[in-house]
Amino acid sequence: MTTKILISACLLGEPVRYNGSGLPLESSILTGWKEAGILVPLCPEVAAGFPTPRPPAEIEENQLGTDVLEGHGGIFEDNGRDVTNQFRLGASIAVQTALETGCRFALLTDGSPSCGSTFIYSGNHDGQTRSGMGVVAADLRKNGVEVFAQHQIKDLAKQLCS
């Protein structure tokens, strides 16, 4: 079976982000993967039932995606609503999708409380970032899927060839 790559749908330009936009990644590498048919697009938040657009959400301060998965942290919208369980559902759907479709790798949108893999937002809805992973990135890694942020596409390409 050909190795597939789970990819954040917004990186393909799909308008699924919290603000109703996409975040299209312009790359000849990505174009080649599209043509080869190895991309599996998914927005875990939309798959978990979130609308588009939706209020921005962040993992609470001093917590990471791994904490949320273990039940020690929460994810809250800027209006204070707890959306932790819906984000956990999105992570579960992402893992199931990756495993069922043979994705050994994932290319995810950095900064997101779901897909962030090198940084997430502070948890204070103040625009500040911090090192850390979102719940999807953490759950995928826990289940053996190698996760890369969009700015690491060249590193992913090297891994795919090795």
Protein backbone atom coordinates (compact mmCIF):
# COMPACT_ATOMS: atom_id res chain seq x y z
CA MET A 1 0.00 0.00 0.00
CA THR A 2 1.27 3.48 -0.90
CA THR A 3 2.04 5.66 2.10
CA LYS A 4 -0.53 8.40 2.47
CA ILE A 5 -0.33 11.78 4.19
CA LEU A 6 -3.11 13.11 6.40
CA ILE A 7 -3.31 16.85 5.70
CA SER A 8 -5.19 19.69 7.33
CA ALA A 9 -7.94 20.52 4.83
CA CYS A 10 -7.31 24.25 5.27
CA LEU A 11 -3.80 23.80 3.82
CA LEU A 12 -5.49 22.75 0.57
CA GLY A 13 -7.46 26.00 0.63
CA GLU A 14 -10.70 24.60 2.02
CA PRO A 15 -12.53 27.33 4.00
CA VAL A 16 -12.76 25.35 7.24
CA ARG A 17 -10.72 27.44 9.71
CA TYR A 18 -12.41 29.04 12.71
CA ASN A 19 -12.76 32.33 10.79
CA GLY A 20 -14.18 30.66 7.66
CA SER A 21 -10.97 30.91 5.65
CA GLY A 22 -8.50 28.45 4.22
CA LEU A 23 -4.73 28.65 4.65
CA PRO A 24 -3.57 27.42 1.23
CA LEU A 25 -0.01 26.13 1.18
CA GLU A 26 1.68 26.96 -2.11
CA SER A 27 4.33 24.33 -2.77
CA SER A 28 5.48 22.30 -5.75
CA ILE A 29 6.00 19.41 -3.31
CA LEU A 30 2.33 19.59 -2.28
CA THR A 31 1.25 19.82 -5.92
CA GLY A 32 3.17 16.62 -6.65
CA TRP A 33 1.53 14.83 -3.74
CA LYS A 34 -1.90 15.98 -4.91
CA GLU A 35 -1.20 14.64 -8.40
CA ALA A 36 0.04 11.35 -6.93
CA GLY A 37 -3.20 11.02 -4.96
CA ILE A 38 -1.50 10.42 -1.60
CA LEU A 39 -3.17 13.21 0.39
CA VAL A 40 -6.03 12.52 2.81
CA PRO A 41 -7.59 15.90 3.66
CA LEU A 42 -9.35 16.35 6.99
CA CYS A 43 -10.41 19.17 9.27
CA PRO A 44 -10.76 17.42 12.63
CA GLU A 45 -12.79 20.29 14.05
CA VAL A 46 -15.36 20.21 11.24
CA ALA A 47 -15.38 16.40 11.40
CA ALA A 48 -16.23 16.71 15.12
CA GLY A 49 -19.22 18.90 14.30
CA PHE A 50 -17.91 22.44 14.73
CA PRO A 51 -19.47 25.02 12.39
CA THR A 52 -17.50 27.31 10.10
CA PRO A 53 -16.98 30.03 11.10
CA ARG A 54 -16.79 29.40 14.85
CA PRO A 55 -15.41 31.20 17.89
CA PRO A 56 -11.63 30.84 18.29
CA ALA A 57 -10.58 28.24 20.86
CA GLU A 58 -7.34 27.70 22.76
CA ILE A 59 -5.92 25.07 25.07
CA GLU A 60 -5.91 26.51 28.57
CA GLU A 61 -2.76 28.16 29.86
CA ASN A 62 0.04 25.82 31.03
CA GLN A 63 -1.62 22.81 29.37
CA LEU A 64 -0.82 20.98 26.13
CA GLY A 65 -2.64 18.62 23.79
CA THR A 66 -1.30 15.64 25.71
CA ASP A 67 -2.82 17.04 28.91
CA VAL A 68 -6.18 17.46 27.20
CA LEU A 69 -6.07 13.85 25.95
CA GLU A 70 -5.27 12.63 29.47
CA GLY A 71 -8.14 14.65 30.98
CA HIS A 72 -5.90 17.19 32.74
CA GLY A 73 -6.52 20.19 30.49
CA GLY A 74 -9.31 21.91 28.66
CA ILE A 75 -9.99 23.84 25.48
CA PHE A 76 -12.11 26.96 25.69
CA GLU A 77 -13.60 29.34 23.15
CA ASP A 78 -12.95 33.05 23.62
CA ASN A 79 -16.48 33.33 25.05
CA GLY A 80 -15.55 30.85 27.82
CA ARG A 81 -17.45 27.85 26.46
CA ASP A 82 -15.72 24.52 27.19
CA VAL A 83 -15.25 22.62 23.91
CA THR A 84 -12.76 20.04 25.20
CA ASN A 85 -14.82 16.95 24.41
CA GLN A 86 -15.52 18.08 20.86
CA PHE A 87 -11.79 18.62 20.28
CA ARG A 88 -11.05 15.17 21.74
CA LEU A 89 -13.61 13.73 19.31
CA GLY A 90 -11.83 15.48 16.43
CA ALA A 91 -8.53 13.94 17.53
CA SER A 92 -10.10 10.49 17.67
CA ILE A 93 -11.56 10.93 14.17
CA ALA A 94 -8.16 12.08 12.85
CA VAL A 95 -6.39 9.04 14.32
CA GLN A 96 -9.05 6.67 12.99
CA THR A 97 -8.86 8.29 9.54
CA ALA A 98 -5.06 8.11 9.47
CA LEU A 99 -4.95 4.47 10.52
CA GLU A 100 -7.76 3.36 8.17
CA THR A 101 -6.21 5.07 5.14
CA GLY A 102 -2.58 4.10 5.75
CA CYS A 103 -1.26 7.55 6.68
CA ARG A 104 2.16 7.20 8.27
CA PHE A 105 2.62 10.97 8.12
CA ALA A 106 0.54 14.08 8.77
CA LEU A 107 1.01 17.66 7.54
CA LEU A 108 -0.92 19.89 9.93
CA THR A 109 -1.57 23.59 10.49
CA ASP A 110 0.67 24.95 13.22
CA GLY A 111 -0.82 27.05 16.01
CA SER A 112 -4.18 25.32 16.07
CA PRO A 113 -5.46 23.75 19.33
CA SER A 114 -6.08 20.67 17.18
CA CYS A 115 -3.29 20.58 14.65
CA GLY A 116 -0.48 22.65 16.14
CA SER A 117 2.70 20.60 16.31
CA THR A 118 5.45 23.09 17.15
CA PHE A 119 3.40 25.89 18.71
CA ILE A 120 -0.07 26.68 20.03
CA TYR A 121 -1.65 29.85 21.38
CA SER A 122 -1.18 30.95 25.00
CA GLY A 123 -4.62 29.98 26.28
CA ASN A 124 -5.45 33.61 27.10
CA HIS A 125 -6.84 34.62 23.68
CA ASP A 126 -4.22 37.37 23.56
CA GLY A 127 -2.49 36.48 20.28
CA GLN A 128 0.61 35.17 22.07
CA THR A 129 2.04 31.77 21.19
CA ARG A 130 4.01 29.14 23.09
CA SER A 131 5.76 25.88 22.27
CA GLY A 132 3.45 22.90 22.30
CA MET A 133 1.15 20.53 20.46
CA GLY A 134 -2.56 20.48 19.90
CA VAL A 135 -4.75 17.45 20.65
CA VAL A 136 -4.74 16.00 17.12
CA ALA A 137 -0.97 16.25 16.73
CA ALA A 138 -0.48 14.67 20.16
CA ASP A 139 -2.93 11.82 19.51
CA LEU A 140 -1.48 11.08 16.06
CA ARG A 141 2.05 10.93 17.47
CA LYS A 142 0.84 8.69 20.29
CA ASN A 143 -0.52 6.34 17.62
CA GLY A 144 2.68 6.21 15.52
CA VAL A 145 1.93 8.86 12.89
CA GLU A 146 4.80 11.29 12.25
CA VAL A 147 3.50 14.86 12.39
CA PHE A 148 4.91 17.86 10.54
CA ALA A 149 3.82 21.52 10.48
CA GLN A 150 3.25 23.22 7.13
CA HIS A 151 6.61 25.02 7.40
CA GLN A 152 8.29 21.59 7.69
CA ILE A 153 7.06 20.28 4.32
CA LYS A 154 10.62 19.78 3.03
CA ASP A 155 11.44 17.67 6.10
CA LEU A 156 8.33 15.58 5.44
CA ALA A 157 9.36 15.14 1.81
CA LYS A 158 12.75 13.80 2.95
CA GLN A 159 11.09 11.37 5.37
CA LEU A 160 8.72 10.17 2.67
CA CYS A 161 11.68 9.31 0.43
CA SER A 162 13.66 7.47 3.12
